[in-house]
Amino acid sequence: MTIEAILIMGISVGAVVSLVSFCLYRVLTLPPVEEETLKGPLEIDTRDTQDAD
């Protein structure tokens, strides 16, 4: 490999690793979500049990 190819490969790998690290940091440092604001599937009324045959 030439020096130019190694340089381009290093820059591209470094950019991808930096972007992944930044995104993981942003996601893992989010503030915790209160449980009251979450809605589970049991609270959804699908109305399919009202006229069950």
N, C-alpha and C. Protein backbone atom coordinates (compact mmCIF):
# COMPACT_ATOMS: atom_id res chain seq x y z
N MET A 1 0.83 -1.18 0.00
CA MET A 1 0.00 0.00 0.00
C MET A 1 0.88 1.25 0.00
N THR A 2 0.36 2.24 -0.62
CA THR A 2 1.11 3.49 -0.67
C THR A 2 0.80 4.31 0.58
N ILE A 3 1.59 5.31 0.78
CA ILE A 3 1.40 6.21 1.93
C ILE A 3 0.06 6.92 1.83
N GLU A 4 -0.34 7.30 0.62
CA GLU A 4 -1.62 8.00 0.43
C GLU A 4 -2.80 7.10 0.81
N ALA A 5 -2.73 5.83 0.45
CA ALA A 5 -3.81 4.90 0.76
C ALA A 5 -3.92 4.68 2.27
N ILE A 6 -2.79 4.53 2.91
CA ILE A 6 -2.79 4.35 4.37
C ILE A 6 -3.33 5.61 5.06
N LEU A 7 -2.99 6.76 4.54
CA LEU A 7 -3.47 8.02 5.12
C LEU A 7 -4.99 8.15 4.96
N ILE A 8 -5.51 7.87 3.77
CA ILE A 8 -6.95 7.95 3.54
C ILE A 8 -7.70 6.93 4.39
N MET A 9 -7.16 5.70 4.48
CA MET A 9 -7.79 4.67 5.30
C MET A 9 -7.80 5.08 6.77
N GLY A 10 -6.72 5.64 7.24
CA GLY A 10 -6.66 6.08 8.63
C GLY A 10 -7.63 7.20 8.92
N ILE A 11 -7.76 8.14 8.01
CA ILE A 11 -8.71 9.25 8.20
C ILE A 11 -10.14 8.74 8.19
N SER A 12 -10.47 7.83 7.27
CA SER A 12 -11.85 7.34 7.20
C SER A 12 -12.20 6.48 8.42
N VAL A 13 -11.29 5.62 8.84
CA VAL A 13 -11.55 4.80 10.03
C VAL A 13 -11.64 5.69 11.26
N GLY A 14 -10.79 6.69 11.35
CA GLY A 14 -10.85 7.61 12.48
C GLY A 14 -12.15 8.39 12.52
N ALA A 15 -12.65 8.79 11.34
CA ALA A 15 -13.92 9.53 11.29
C ALA A 15 -15.09 8.65 11.74
N VAL A 16 -15.10 7.40 11.29
CA VAL A 16 -16.19 6.50 11.68
C VAL A 16 -16.14 6.20 13.17
N VAL A 17 -14.97 5.93 13.70
CA VAL A 17 -14.85 5.64 15.13
C VAL A 17 -15.24 6.87 15.96
N SER A 18 -14.87 8.05 15.50
CA SER A 18 -15.24 9.27 16.22
C SER A 18 -16.75 9.48 16.21
N LEU A 19 -17.38 9.26 15.07
CA LEU A 19 -18.83 9.44 14.98
C LEU A 19 -19.57 8.43 15.85
N VAL A 20 -19.15 7.19 15.84
CA VAL A 20 -19.80 6.16 16.67
C VAL A 20 -19.60 6.48 18.15
N SER A 21 -18.40 6.90 18.52
CA SER A 21 -18.15 7.26 19.92
C SER A 21 -19.01 8.43 20.36
N PHE A 22 -19.13 9.44 19.51
CA PHE A 22 -19.95 10.60 19.85
C PHE A 22 -21.42 10.20 20.01
N CYS A 23 -21.94 9.38 19.10
CA CYS A 23 -23.34 8.96 19.19
C CYS A 23 -23.60 8.11 20.42
N LEU A 24 -22.71 7.19 20.73
CA LEU A 24 -22.87 6.37 21.93
C LEU A 24 -22.82 7.23 23.19
N TYR A 25 -21.93 8.19 23.22
CA TYR A 25 -21.85 9.09 24.38
C TYR A 25 -23.16 9.86 24.55
N ARG A 26 -23.71 10.37 23.44
CA ARG A 26 -24.95 11.14 23.52
C ARG A 26 -26.11 10.28 24.00
N VAL A 27 -26.19 9.04 23.54
CA VAL A 27 -27.29 8.16 23.92
C VAL A 27 -27.14 7.69 25.36
N LEU A 28 -25.95 7.34 25.77
CA LEU A 28 -25.75 6.78 27.11
C LEU A 28 -25.77 7.83 28.21
N THR A 29 -25.68 9.10 27.87
CA THR A 29 -25.72 10.15 28.89
C THR A 29 -27.04 10.90 28.90
N LEU A 30 -28.08 10.33 28.31
CA LEU A 30 -29.40 10.96 28.35
C LEU A 30 -29.94 10.94 29.77
N PRO A 31 -30.73 11.93 30.16
CA PRO A 31 -31.32 11.90 31.50
C PRO A 31 -32.34 10.77 31.59
N PRO A 32 -32.52 10.23 32.79
CA PRO A 32 -33.47 9.13 32.94
C PRO A 32 -34.91 9.59 32.67
N VAL A 33 -35.70 8.69 32.13
CA VAL A 33 -37.10 8.98 31.82
C VAL A 33 -37.96 8.49 32.97
N GLU A 34 -38.91 9.32 33.39
CA GLU A 34 -39.80 8.91 34.47
C GLU A 34 -40.75 7.84 33.96
N GLU A 35 -41.07 6.90 34.82
CA GLU A 35 -41.93 5.79 34.42
C GLU A 35 -43.36 6.25 34.16
N GLU A 36 -43.78 7.34 34.75
CA GLU A 36 -45.15 7.81 34.57
C GLU A 36 -45.41 8.28 33.15
N THR A 37 -44.38 8.73 32.46
CA THR A 37 -44.58 9.24 31.10
C THR A 37 -44.57 8.13 30.06
N LEU A 38 -44.15 6.93 30.44
CA LEU A 38 -44.13 5.81 29.50
C LEU A 38 -45.49 5.13 29.48
N LYS A 39 -45.92 4.71 28.30
CA LYS A 39 -47.18 3.99 28.18
C LYS A 39 -46.89 2.59 27.67
N GLY A 40 -47.33 1.62 28.43
CA GLY A 40 -47.13 0.23 28.04
C GLY A 40 -48.24 -0.25 27.14
N PRO A 41 -48.07 -1.39 26.54
CA PRO A 41 -49.08 -1.90 25.62
C PRO A 41 -50.38 -2.29 26.33
N LEU A 42 -50.37 -2.46 27.64
CA LEU A 42 -51.59 -2.84 28.35
C LEU A 42 -52.56 -1.68 28.49
N GLU A 43 -52.10 -0.44 28.32
CA GLU A 43 -52.98 0.71 28.44
C GLU A 43 -53.67 1.05 27.12
N ILE A 44 -53.33 0.36 26.05
CA ILE A 44 -53.92 0.64 24.75
C ILE A 44 -55.22 -0.14 24.64
N ASP A 45 -56.33 0.56 24.36
CA ASP A 45 -57.63 -0.10 24.21
C ASP A 45 -57.86 -0.40 22.74
N THR A 46 -57.76 -1.67 22.37
CA THR A 46 -57.95 -2.05 20.97
C THR A 46 -59.41 -2.37 20.65
N ARG A 47 -60.25 -2.45 21.65
CA ARG A 47 -61.69 -2.70 21.54
C ARG A 47 -62.01 -4.00 20.81
N ASP A 48 -61.11 -4.96 20.85
CA ASP A 48 -61.39 -6.23 20.20
C ASP A 48 -61.96 -7.27 21.16
N THR A 49 -62.02 -6.92 22.47
CA THR A 49 -62.58 -7.86 23.44
C THR A 49 -64.01 -7.49 23.86
N GLN A 50 -64.56 -6.42 23.32
CA GLN A 50 -65.91 -6.02 23.73
C GLN A 50 -66.97 -6.97 23.15
N ASP A 51 -66.84 -7.32 21.89
CA ASP A 51 -67.80 -8.21 21.25
C ASP A 51 -67.16 -9.53 20.88
N ALA A 52 -66.45 -10.11 21.83
CA ALA A 52 -65.79 -11.39 21.54
C ALA A 52 -66.81 -12.50 21.42
N ASP A 53 -66.72 -13.26 20.35
CA ASP A 53 -67.68 -14.35 20.13
C ASP A 53 -67.16 -15.66 20.64
